[in-house]
Protein backbone atom coordinates (compact mmCIF):
# COMPACT_ATOMS: atom_id res chain seq x y z
CA MET A 1 -83.25 -43.14 87.18
CA ARG A 2 -80.60 -46.05 88.63
CA SER A 3 -79.01 -45.92 84.83
CA SER A 4 -78.33 -42.22 85.14
CA GLY A 5 -76.60 -42.67 88.56
CA ILE A 6 -74.87 -44.84 87.56
CA ASN A 7 -72.91 -42.99 84.75
CA SER A 8 -73.13 -40.50 87.32
CA GLY A 9 -70.93 -42.76 89.66
CA SER A 10 -68.84 -43.25 87.08
CA VAL A 11 -67.99 -40.29 86.09
CA LEU A 12 -67.53 -39.74 89.70
CA ARG A 13 -65.19 -41.79 89.50
CA ARG A 14 -62.83 -41.50 86.52
CA LEU A 15 -62.86 -37.49 88.02
CA PRO A 16 -59.37 -37.65 89.55
CA GLN A 17 -57.53 -39.55 86.49
CA THR A 18 -59.06 -37.17 84.22
CA LEU A 19 -58.13 -34.53 86.15
CA LEU A 20 -53.97 -36.15 86.78
CA LEU A 21 -54.83 -36.71 82.18
CA VAL A 22 -55.43 -32.88 81.82
CA VAL A 23 -52.25 -32.05 84.27
CA VAL A 24 -50.04 -33.83 82.57
CA ALA A 25 -50.72 -33.20 79.22
CA PHE A 26 -50.77 -29.33 79.84
CA VAL A 27 -47.31 -29.88 81.81
CA VAL A 28 -46.15 -31.95 78.59
CA PHE A 29 -47.41 -29.88 75.61
CA LEU A 30 -46.77 -25.88 77.75
CA PRO A 31 -43.08 -26.15 76.38
CA LEU A 32 -43.98 -26.60 72.70
CA LEU A 33 -47.37 -24.41 73.63
CA TRP A 34 -44.78 -20.86 75.13
CA MET A 35 -42.46 -21.47 71.95
CA LEU A 36 -45.37 -21.28 69.72
CA LEU A 37 -46.68 -18.12 70.71
CA THR A 38 -43.48 -16.39 71.42
CA SER A 39 -42.79 -17.34 68.19
CA PHE A 40 -45.80 -15.32 66.99
CA LYS A 41 -44.61 -12.43 69.31
CA GLU A 42 -42.76 -9.57 67.78
CA THR A 43 -38.91 -9.24 68.79
CA ALA A 44 -39.77 -6.03 71.19
CA GLU A 45 -42.76 -7.91 73.10
CA ILE A 46 -40.66 -11.23 73.74
CA TYR A 47 -38.21 -9.78 75.66
CA HIS A 48 -40.47 -6.92 76.96
CA GLN A 49 -41.15 -6.79 81.06
CA PRO A 50 -43.34 -8.32 82.62
CA MET A 51 -43.96 -10.80 80.02
CA THR A 52 -47.11 -11.16 77.61
CA ILE A 53 -48.89 -14.56 77.04
CA LEU A 54 -50.61 -14.19 74.45
CA PRO A 55 -48.71 -12.39 70.99
CA GLU A 56 -50.31 -7.98 70.95
CA HIS A 57 -49.37 -8.18 67.92
CA PRO A 58 -48.89 -11.31 65.93
CA THR A 59 -46.80 -11.10 63.36
CA LEU A 60 -45.00 -13.85 60.86
CA ALA A 61 -42.36 -11.84 60.35
CA GLN A 62 -40.17 -14.60 63.39
CA TYR A 63 -40.60 -17.27 60.56
CA GLN A 64 -39.74 -14.48 58.23
CA GLY A 65 -36.63 -14.16 58.71
CA ILE A 66 -35.25 -17.50 59.53
CA THR A 67 -34.53 -17.72 55.58
CA LYS A 68 -32.00 -14.95 56.75
CA GLN A 69 -31.00 -16.00 59.93
CA ALA A 70 -30.98 -19.90 59.45
CA LEU A 71 -29.94 -20.62 55.93
CA LEU A 72 -28.95 -24.32 57.93
CA PHE A 73 -32.88 -25.10 58.29
CA PRO A 74 -34.21 -26.38 55.24
CA THR A 75 -31.23 -28.37 54.40
CA TYR A 76 -30.92 -30.16 58.10
CA MET A 77 -34.84 -30.76 57.67
CA LYS A 78 -34.51 -32.12 54.19
CA ASN A 79 -31.51 -34.47 55.25
CA SER A 80 -34.10 -35.21 58.42
CA PHE A 81 -36.93 -36.29 56.00
CA LEU A 82 -34.23 -38.59 53.64
CA VAL A 83 -32.96 -40.26 55.82
CA THR A 84 -36.11 -40.66 58.72
CA THR A 85 -38.41 -41.48 54.86
CA ILE A 86 -35.21 -44.00 53.82
CA SER A 87 -35.88 -45.85 57.49
CA VAL A 88 -38.98 -46.10 58.18
CA LEU A 89 -39.62 -47.03 54.62
CA ILE A 90 -37.15 -49.96 54.64
CA VAL A 91 -38.44 -50.70 58.15
CA THR A 92 -41.88 -51.07 57.57
CA ILE A 93 -40.81 -53.54 54.93
CA VAL A 94 -38.59 -55.47 56.93
CA ALA A 95 -41.59 -55.58 60.15
CA ILE A 96 -44.67 -56.98 57.64
CA LEU A 97 -42.90 -59.74 56.36
CA ALA A 98 -40.72 -60.99 59.91
CA GLY A 99 -43.25 -60.36 61.14
CA TYR A 100 -46.00 -62.21 59.61
CA ALA A 101 -43.48 -64.90 59.44
CA PHE A 102 -43.42 -65.35 63.29
CA GLY A 103 -47.20 -64.21 63.64
CA ARG A 104 -49.04 -66.58 61.72
CA LEU A 105 -46.14 -69.37 59.75
CA HIS A 106 -44.48 -72.43 62.37
CA PHE A 107 -41.20 -73.21 61.06
CA LYS A 108 -38.40 -74.76 63.37
CA GLY A 109 -36.10 -72.86 65.69
CA ARG A 110 -39.07 -69.72 65.69
CA ASP A 111 -40.08 -68.55 69.55
CA PHE A 112 -36.29 -69.20 69.74
CA LEU A 113 -35.10 -66.67 67.33
CA PHE A 114 -38.20 -64.42 67.92
CA VAL A 115 -36.80 -63.83 71.46
CA SER A 116 -33.39 -63.52 70.26
CA PHE A 117 -34.00 -61.16 68.14
CA LEU A 118 -35.52 -58.45 70.37
CA PHE A 119 -33.00 -58.96 72.72
CA ILE A 120 -31.55 -56.00 71.69
CA LEU A 121 -34.61 -54.23 73.42
CA GLY A 122 -33.13 -54.57 76.41
CA VAL A 123 -29.71 -53.43 75.85
CA PRO A 124 -30.01 -49.25 76.17
CA ASN A 125 -29.13 -47.75 72.33
CA VAL A 126 -25.49 -46.27 73.62
CA VAL A 127 -24.15 -49.33 74.57
CA PHE A 128 -24.04 -50.21 70.93
CA LEU A 129 -23.14 -46.54 69.94
CA ILE A 130 -19.57 -47.17 69.93
CA PRO A 131 -19.26 -50.69 67.83
CA VAL A 132 -21.83 -49.18 65.44
CA TYR A 133 -19.00 -46.26 64.96
CA LEU A 134 -16.01 -48.23 64.52
CA MET A 135 -18.25 -50.77 62.48
CA LEU A 136 -18.89 -47.66 59.93
CA SER A 137 -15.66 -46.06 60.17
CA SER A 138 -13.88 -48.87 58.28
CA PHE A 139 -16.72 -49.83 55.64
CA LYS A 140 -16.36 -45.52 55.08
CA LEU A 141 -20.03 -45.27 55.99
CA LEU A 142 -19.24 -41.64 58.45
CA ASN A 143 -21.26 -38.94 57.41
CA SER A 144 -22.79 -40.44 54.79
CA TYR A 145 -26.90 -41.16 54.55
CA LEU A 146 -26.67 -44.28 54.48
CA GLY A 147 -24.25 -44.58 58.06
CA LEU A 148 -27.56 -42.83 59.44
CA ILE A 149 -30.34 -45.58 57.68
CA LEU A 150 -28.61 -48.53 58.81
CA PRO A 151 -28.62 -48.10 62.59
CA TYR A 152 -31.76 -46.32 62.85
CA VAL A 153 -33.22 -49.85 60.90
CA ALA A 154 -32.05 -51.62 62.88
CA LEU A 155 -32.34 -50.33 66.26
CA ASN A 156 -36.61 -49.73 65.47
CA LEU A 157 -36.66 -53.04 63.69
CA PRO A 158 -36.68 -55.31 66.58
CA ILE A 159 -40.41 -52.94 68.24
CA ALA A 160 -42.15 -53.09 64.97
CA ILE A 161 -42.13 -56.46 64.83
CA LEU A 162 -43.06 -56.66 68.26
CA ILE A 163 -45.69 -54.96 66.86
CA LEU A 164 -47.10 -56.43 64.15
CA ARG A 165 -46.37 -59.47 65.51
CA GLY A 166 -48.91 -59.07 68.35
CA THR A 167 -51.57 -57.58 65.34
CA PHE A 168 -51.00 -60.11 63.05
CA ARG A 169 -51.57 -62.63 65.63
CA GLY A 170 -54.45 -61.67 66.85
CA ILE A 171 -56.64 -61.59 63.55
CA PRO A 172 -58.98 -64.79 63.53
CA PRO A 173 -56.69 -67.76 61.29
CA GLU A 174 -60.09 -68.84 59.51
CA LEU A 175 -60.12 -65.41 57.24
CA GLU A 176 -56.71 -67.17 56.30
CA GLU A 177 -57.43 -69.94 55.97
CA ALA A 178 -60.25 -69.61 53.52
CA SER A 179 -57.87 -67.50 51.47
CA ARG A 180 -56.12 -70.52 51.13
CA ILE A 181 -58.77 -71.69 49.88
CA ASP A 182 -59.52 -70.48 47.40
CA GLY A 183 -56.19 -71.26 45.27
CA ALA A 184 -53.87 -67.28 47.04
CA ASP A 185 -50.45 -68.23 48.37
CA VAL A 186 -48.99 -67.09 51.15
CA VAL A 187 -48.16 -63.74 49.75
CA GLN A 188 -51.60 -62.64 48.15
CA THR A 189 -52.53 -64.03 52.08
CA LEU A 190 -50.51 -60.97 53.05
CA ILE A 191 -50.90 -58.56 51.22
CA LEU A 192 -54.82 -58.46 50.23
CA VAL A 193 -56.29 -60.31 53.25
CA MET A 194 -53.31 -59.73 56.45
CA LEU A 195 -52.67 -56.56 55.55
CA PRO A 196 -55.79 -54.75 55.13
CA LEU A 197 -56.97 -55.90 58.24
CA ALA A 198 -53.93 -55.06 60.31
CA ARG A 199 -53.50 -51.42 59.76
CA ALA A 200 -53.77 -50.40 63.20
CA GLY A 201 -50.62 -51.97 64.02
CA LEU A 202 -48.95 -51.44 60.90
CA ALA A 203 -49.89 -47.25 62.02
CA SER A 204 -48.53 -48.16 65.33
CA ALA A 205 -45.34 -49.63 64.02
CA ILE A 206 -44.62 -46.25 61.48
CA VAL A 207 -45.44 -43.41 63.87
CA PHE A 208 -43.40 -45.15 66.72
CA THR A 209 -40.77 -45.38 64.09
CA PHE A 210 -40.77 -41.76 62.76
CA LEU A 211 -40.85 -40.18 66.05
CA SER A 212 -38.27 -41.94 67.61
CA ILE A 213 -35.85 -41.99 64.42
CA TRP A 214 -37.18 -38.27 63.81
CA GLU A 215 -35.77 -37.26 67.30
CA GLU A 216 -32.91 -39.22 67.68
CA PHE A 217 -29.78 -37.61 69.07
CA LEU A 218 -27.16 -39.17 70.64
CA PHE A 219 -26.46 -41.56 66.99
CA ALA A 220 -26.68 -38.64 64.96
CA VAL A 221 -23.95 -36.53 66.33
CA THR A 222 -21.70 -38.65 66.20
CA LEU A 223 -21.69 -40.16 63.31
CA MET A 224 -22.27 -36.82 61.51
CA THR A 225 -20.15 -33.94 61.51
CA LYS A 226 -20.58 -32.23 58.54
CA ALA A 227 -22.75 -29.66 58.79
CA GLU A 228 -25.06 -30.09 55.96
CA LEU A 229 -25.47 -33.51 55.84
CA LEU A 230 -26.88 -33.01 59.62
CA PRO A 231 -30.74 -34.01 60.88
CA ILE A 232 -32.48 -30.71 62.65
CA SER A 233 -32.80 -32.83 65.58
CA VAL A 234 -28.66 -31.89 66.08
CA GLY A 235 -28.57 -28.79 63.41
CA ILE A 236 -30.63 -27.03 66.01
CA ASN A 237 -28.56 -27.74 68.56
CA PHE A 238 -25.98 -25.07 66.14
CA LEU A 239 -28.86 -23.20 65.42
CA LYS A 240 -29.12 -22.33 69.49
CA ASP A 241 -25.90 -21.65 70.04
CA GLU A 242 -26.17 -18.62 67.60
CA ALA A 243 -29.63 -17.53 69.52
CA SER A 244 -27.72 -13.96 71.05
CA SER A 245 -26.56 -13.51 67.84
CA TRP A 246 -30.36 -13.00 65.92
CA ALA A 247 -34.08 -12.85 68.08
CA PHE A 248 -35.10 -16.40 70.56
CA GLY A 249 -38.56 -15.23 68.27
CA THR A 250 -36.55 -16.98 65.07
CA LEU A 251 -35.23 -20.11 67.04
CA SER A 252 -39.16 -20.92 68.69
CA ALA A 253 -39.69 -20.54 64.75
CA VAL A 254 -37.26 -22.86 63.83
CA ILE A 255 -38.37 -25.27 66.91
CA VAL A 256 -41.64 -24.84 66.26
CA LEU A 257 -41.17 -26.13 62.37
CA SER A 258 -38.67 -28.63 63.63
CA VAL A 259 -41.73 -30.43 65.56
CA LEU A 260 -44.44 -29.59 63.13
CA PRO A 261 -43.93 -33.09 60.89
CA ALA A 262 -43.78 -35.11 63.81
CA LEU A 263 -47.01 -33.66 65.23
CA VAL A 264 -48.59 -33.43 61.59
CA LEU A 265 -48.20 -37.23 61.81
CA PHE A 266 -49.14 -37.72 65.61
CA VAL A 267 -52.78 -36.61 64.78
CA LEU A 268 -53.40 -38.35 61.58
CA ALA A 269 -52.55 -41.50 63.08
CA GLN A 270 -53.60 -40.76 66.52
CA ARG A 271 -57.01 -43.35 66.08
CA TYR A 272 -55.24 -46.17 65.05
CA TYR A 273 -51.47 -45.65 67.20
CA VAL A 274 -52.45 -46.33 70.92
CA ALA A 275 -54.78 -48.88 70.01
CA GLY A 276 -52.01 -50.87 67.53
CA PHE A 277 -49.12 -51.06 69.59
CA LEU A 278 -52.02 -51.74 72.65
CA GLU A 279 -53.00 -54.55 70.08
CA GLY A 280 -49.29 -55.41 69.49
CA ALA A 281 -47.53 -55.46 72.44
CA LEU A 282 -49.90 -57.29 74.22
CA LYS A 283 -50.13 -60.16 72.35
CA GLY A 284 -47.16 -60.59 70.78
């Protein structure tokens, strides 16, 4: 009976927090939910008054219309996948090596170098925009995939290193010592022992980097001016400007498809994302 009373009391104490989280989640996901429902409506129903919430006659016509009314949408998605995938791959590899070095190895100037490297986290990204633009312009890298990948790697690398450094620091040193006794060198210890144990932090760093790059707008719209090279974060604004000439339902379908890759990745890795991010940030 006492245990039941304690459980009931703890549930009641958490009830306001739970309700607040539900309200916040509803407000955050409401625009996406509305776009999702709109994308399955017929065009006449979208503009019908009074408005309907659920589609009366669900249809895929809006998604089929993308091939006719949003011709550059596949190009924008391809560009985003290419730039994001390469950037995430580079950030992940470098962050693993740097995070392990900063977290487990001892060398002169390690802490000073780490703090200096993380200084970029305290500076707004917009501050780097003009210097990056001038630098890429001097190297003839504007309007190129490489010209977008390099800034993305530089801007996302510090937080990824911070997460993985904290993750590696949280692994018991006895496991690393045991592998060294068995004859493993630094690289073998990292790959065979440390990485499997750091999968939560690794997943967190990958998801965070992917989301940050996939939705980035400022650098993409500044460094890319050719339509055939634009990522979806910028290209979708050009599609939005054309909404007056084609159904708003098709625009809703475009938005849903552009958000889908990031949403799927987050759902698949969410069990590791929060734990890994908190662990890496707190112990880093």
